[in-house]
């Protein structure tokens, strides 16, 4: 399966990281680039349950392809969510169902840094995307 352009860009940038410090810095930069959600979109309906930090997610289907936007109050989570969005934005509903989250973060070299609670939180975000796409 061909990766979306943003996902390929993420892989290219992370493969040049030799240390966790470099990866963490890059992760924060991805989080900073995440466009801020409108306050109106930060509501109970768009809040993802199952995350320790606050995460909000909205999605729209445009010409058969999904575009998601998200925000979080935690800097590290913002970065992880930004990388998840890079992986899924532009996918069809069928492709979205096939995204392998652990494999994606493994490819980025970030899986070791995903605590069980962060991993569960990201799974909750992906699950919410699939519900919206359902």
C-alpha atoms as a PDB file:
ATOM      1  CA  UNK A   1       0.000   0.000   0.000  1.00  0.00           C
ATOM      2  CA  UNK A   2       1.391   3.399  -0.971  1.00  0.00           C
ATOM      3  CA  UNK A   3       1.750   5.832   1.893  1.00  0.00           C
ATOM      4  CA  UNK A   4       0.196   9.304   1.758  1.00  0.00           C
ATOM      5  CA  UNK A   5       2.796  12.005   0.934  1.00  0.00           C
ATOM      6  CA  UNK A   6       2.743  13.379   4.520  1.00  0.00           C
ATOM      7  CA  UNK A   7       3.353   9.900   5.925  1.00  0.00           C
ATOM      8  CA  UNK A   8       6.306   9.375   3.583  1.00  0.00           C
ATOM      9  CA  UNK A   9       7.687  12.786   4.624  1.00  0.00           C
ATOM     10  CA  UNK A  10       7.368  11.741   8.280  1.00  0.00           C
ATOM     11  CA  UNK A  11       9.223   8.482   7.635  1.00  0.00           C
ATOM     12  CA  UNK A  12      11.969  10.302   5.747  1.00  0.00           C
ATOM     13  CA  UNK A  13      12.487  12.825   8.538  1.00  0.00           C
ATOM     14  CA  UNK A  14      12.435  10.271  11.365  1.00  0.00           C
ATOM     15  CA  UNK A  15      14.842   7.853   9.698  1.00  0.00           C
ATOM     16  CA  UNK A  16      17.593  10.485  10.010  1.00  0.00           C
ATOM     17  CA  UNK A  17      17.213  10.596  13.797  1.00  0.00           C
ATOM     18  CA  UNK A  18      19.966   8.766  15.626  1.00  0.00           C
ATOM     19  CA  UNK A  19      18.826   9.362  19.185  1.00  0.00           C
ATOM     20  CA  UNK A  20      15.658   9.569  21.224  1.00  0.00           C
ATOM     21  CA  UNK A  21      16.393  13.284  21.854  1.00  0.00           C
ATOM     22  CA  UNK A  22      16.312  13.948  18.101  1.00  0.00           C
ATOM     23  CA  UNK A  23      13.107  11.946  17.716  1.00  0.00           C
ATOM     24  CA  UNK A  24      11.489  13.765  20.658  1.00  0.00           C
ATOM     25  CA  UNK A  25      12.429  17.160  19.175  1.00  0.00           C
ATOM     26  CA  UNK A  26      11.026  16.145  15.795  1.00  0.00           C
ATOM     27  CA  UNK A  27       7.886  14.816  17.479  1.00  0.00           C
ATOM     28  CA  UNK A  28       7.339  18.203  19.169  1.00  0.00           C
ATOM     29  CA  UNK A  29       7.845  19.981  15.815  1.00  0.00           C
ATOM     30  CA  UNK A  30       5.166  17.800  14.210  1.00  0.00           C
ATOM     31  CA  UNK A  31       2.865  18.688  17.108  1.00  0.00           C
ATOM     32  CA  UNK A  32       3.521  22.402  16.649  1.00  0.00           C
ATOM     33  CA  UNK A  33       2.592  22.151  12.976  1.00  0.00           C
ATOM     34  CA  UNK A  34      -0.770  20.614  13.824  1.00  0.00           C
ATOM     35  CA  UNK A  35      -3.369  23.279  12.935  1.00  0.00           C
ATOM     36  CA  UNK A  36      -5.339  24.404  15.985  1.00  0.00           C
ATOM     37  CA  UNK A  37      -8.970  23.274  16.056  1.00  0.00           C
ATOM     38  CA  UNK A  38     -11.706  25.873  16.360  1.00  0.00           C
ATOM     39  CA  UNK A  39     -12.923  26.222  19.939  1.00  0.00           C
ATOM     40  CA  UNK A  40     -16.367  25.219  18.606  1.00  0.00           C
ATOM     41  CA  UNK A  41     -14.893  21.852  17.550  1.00  0.00           C
ATOM     42  CA  UNK A  42     -13.502  21.210  21.036  1.00  0.00           C
ATOM     43  CA  UNK A  43     -16.718  19.818  22.405  1.00  0.00           C
ATOM     44  CA  UNK A  44     -17.935  16.652  24.082  1.00  0.00           C
ATOM     45  CA  UNK A  45     -18.996  15.154  20.735  1.00  0.00           C
ATOM     46  CA  UNK A  46     -15.512  15.438  19.231  1.00  0.00           C
ATOM     47  CA  UNK A  47     -13.636  14.469  22.404  1.00  0.00           C
ATOM     48  CA  UNK A  48     -11.936  11.081  22.149  1.00  0.00           C
ATOM     49  CA  UNK A  49     -12.627   8.932  25.188  1.00  0.00           C
ATOM     50  CA  UNK A  50      -9.926   6.538  26.327  1.00  0.00           C
ATOM     51  CA  UNK A  51      -7.120   9.102  26.266  1.00  0.00           C
ATOM     52  CA  UNK A  52      -5.498  10.298  29.479  1.00  0.00           C
ATOM     53  CA  UNK A  53      -5.050  13.756  27.957  1.00  0.00           C
ATOM     54  CA  UNK A  54      -7.741  15.722  26.206  1.00  0.00           C
ATOM     55  CA  UNK A  55      -7.919  14.885  22.500  1.00  0.00           C
ATOM     56  CA  UNK A  56     -10.522  16.209  20.088  1.00  0.00           C
ATOM     57  CA  UNK A  57     -11.062  14.812  16.601  1.00  0.00           C
ATOM     58  CA  UNK A  58     -13.204  15.876  13.662  1.00  0.00           C
ATOM     59  CA  UNK A  59     -13.334  14.265  10.243  1.00  0.00           C
ATOM     60  CA  UNK A  60     -14.833  14.997   6.855  1.00  0.00           C
ATOM     61  CA  UNK A  61     -15.154  12.877   3.744  1.00  0.00           C
ATOM     62  CA  UNK A  62     -14.108  14.731   0.586  1.00  0.00           C
ATOM     63  CA  UNK A  63     -14.399  12.981  -2.772  1.00  0.00           C
ATOM     64  CA  UNK A  64     -14.166   9.556  -1.097  1.00  0.00           C
ATOM     65  CA  UNK A  65     -11.086  10.472   0.966  1.00  0.00           C
ATOM     66  CA  UNK A  66     -10.965  11.225   4.677  1.00  0.00           C
ATOM     67  CA  UNK A  67      -9.510  14.422   6.133  1.00  0.00           C
ATOM     68  CA  UNK A  68      -9.149  14.507   9.886  1.00  0.00           C
ATOM     69  CA  UNK A  69      -8.219  17.363  12.179  1.00  0.00           C
ATOM     70  CA  UNK A  70      -7.333  16.936  15.820  1.00  0.00           C
ATOM     71  CA  UNK A  71      -5.946  18.724  18.820  1.00  0.00           C
ATOM     72  CA  UNK A  72      -4.643  17.828  22.250  1.00  0.00           C
ATOM     73  CA  UNK A  73      -3.745  19.694  25.412  1.00  0.00           C
ATOM     74  CA  UNK A  74      -0.549  17.602  25.786  1.00  0.00           C
ATOM     75  CA  UNK A  75       2.495  18.476  23.642  1.00  0.00           C
ATOM     76  CA  UNK A  76       3.780  14.940  23.180  1.00  0.00           C
ATOM     77  CA  UNK A  77       0.307  13.657  22.314  1.00  0.00           C
ATOM     78  CA  UNK A  78      -0.119  16.500  19.783  1.00  0.00           C
ATOM     79  CA  UNK A  79       3.008  15.213  18.034  1.00  0.00           C
ATOM     80  CA  UNK A  80       1.853  11.600  18.053  1.00  0.00           C
ATOM     81  CA  UNK A  81      -1.612  12.603  16.817  1.00  0.00           C
ATOM     82  CA  UNK A  82      -0.020  14.746  14.064  1.00  0.00           C
ATOM     83  CA  UNK A  83       1.920  11.668  12.908  1.00  0.00           C
ATOM     84  CA  UNK A  84      -1.245   9.575  13.005  1.00  0.00           C
ATOM     85  CA  UNK A  85      -3.030  12.206  10.878  1.00  0.00           C
ATOM     86  CA  UNK A  86      -0.104  12.183   8.423  1.00  0.00           C
ATOM     87  CA  UNK A  87      -0.662   8.430   8.075  1.00  0.00           C
ATOM     88  CA  UNK A  88      -4.450   8.474   7.608  1.00  0.00           C
ATOM     89  CA  UNK A  89      -5.399  11.742   5.906  1.00  0.00           C
ATOM     90  CA  UNK A  90      -6.365  11.164   2.299  1.00  0.00           C
ATOM     91  CA  UNK A  91      -7.262   7.499   2.786  1.00  0.00           C
ATOM     92  CA  UNK A  92     -10.519   5.897   1.719  1.00  0.00           C
ATOM     93  CA  UNK A  93     -12.756   4.291   4.343  1.00  0.00           C
ATOM     94  CA  UNK A  94     -11.502   0.855   3.306  1.00  0.00           C
ATOM     95  CA  UNK A  95      -7.825   1.890   3.582  1.00  0.00           C
ATOM     96  CA  UNK A  96      -8.494   3.494   6.961  1.00  0.00           C
ATOM     97  CA  UNK A  97      -9.777   0.173   8.304  1.00  0.00           C
ATOM     98  CA  UNK A  98      -6.460  -1.456   7.362  1.00  0.00           C
ATOM     99  CA  UNK A  99      -4.073   0.991   9.069  1.00  0.00           C
ATOM    100  CA  UNK A 100      -1.741  -0.872  11.410  1.00  0.00           C
ATOM    101  CA  UNK A 101      -0.968   1.597  14.189  1.00  0.00           C
ATOM    102  CA  UNK A 102       1.816  -0.361  15.958  1.00  0.00           C
ATOM    103  CA  UNK A 103       3.551  -0.996  12.615  1.00  0.00           C
ATOM    104  CA  UNK A 104       3.375   2.725  11.715  1.00  0.00           C
ATOM    105  CA  UNK A 105       4.964   3.911  14.970  1.00  0.00           C
ATOM    106  CA  UNK A 106       7.479   1.070  14.695  1.00  0.00           C
ATOM    107  CA  UNK A 107       8.466   2.322  11.219  1.00  0.00           C
ATOM    108  CA  UNK A 108       8.995   5.788  12.719  1.00  0.00           C
ATOM    109  CA  UNK A 109      11.148   4.301  15.463  1.00  0.00           C
ATOM    110  CA  UNK A 110       8.760   5.545  18.149  1.00  0.00           C
ATOM    111  CA  UNK A 111       7.113   2.342  19.372  1.00  0.00           C
ATOM    112  CA  UNK A 112       9.506   1.896  22.305  1.00  0.00           C
ATOM    113  CA  UNK A 113       8.539   5.320  23.609  1.00  0.00           C
ATOM    114  CA  UNK A 114       4.820   4.561  23.515  1.00  0.00           C
ATOM    115  CA  UNK A 115       3.740   3.762  27.040  1.00  0.00           C
ATOM    116  CA  UNK A 116       0.691   1.469  27.296  1.00  0.00           C
ATOM    117  CA  UNK A 117      -1.528   4.455  28.163  1.00  0.00           C
ATOM    118  CA  UNK A 118      -0.260   6.481  25.166  1.00  0.00           C
ATOM    119  CA  UNK A 119      -0.640   3.472  22.937  1.00  0.00           C
ATOM    120  CA  UNK A 120      -4.201   2.944  24.204  1.00  0.00           C
ATOM    121  CA  UNK A 121      -4.945   6.622  23.660  1.00  0.00           C
ATOM    122  CA  UNK A 122      -3.734   6.533  20.056  1.00  0.00           C
ATOM    123  CA  UNK A 123      -5.714   3.354  19.466  1.00  0.00           C
ATOM    124  CA  UNK A 124      -8.764   5.185  20.816  1.00  0.00           C
ATOM    125  CA  UNK A 125      -8.136   8.013  18.312  1.00  0.00           C
ATOM    126  CA  UNK A 126      -7.823   5.534  15.415  1.00  0.00           C
ATOM    127  CA  UNK A 127     -10.925   3.692  16.628  1.00  0.00           C
ATOM    128  CA  UNK A 128     -12.833   6.999  16.680  1.00  0.00           C
ATOM    129  CA  UNK A 129     -11.680   7.704  13.096  1.00  0.00           C
ATOM    130  CA  UNK A 130     -12.997   4.317  12.038  1.00  0.00           C
ATOM    131  CA  UNK A 131     -16.312   5.001  13.790  1.00  0.00           C
ATOM    132  CA  UNK A 132     -16.631   8.330  11.965  1.00  0.00           C
ATOM    133  CA  UNK A 133     -15.803   6.538   8.713  1.00  0.00           C
ATOM    134  CA  UNK A 134     -18.176   3.668   9.565  1.00  0.00           C
END
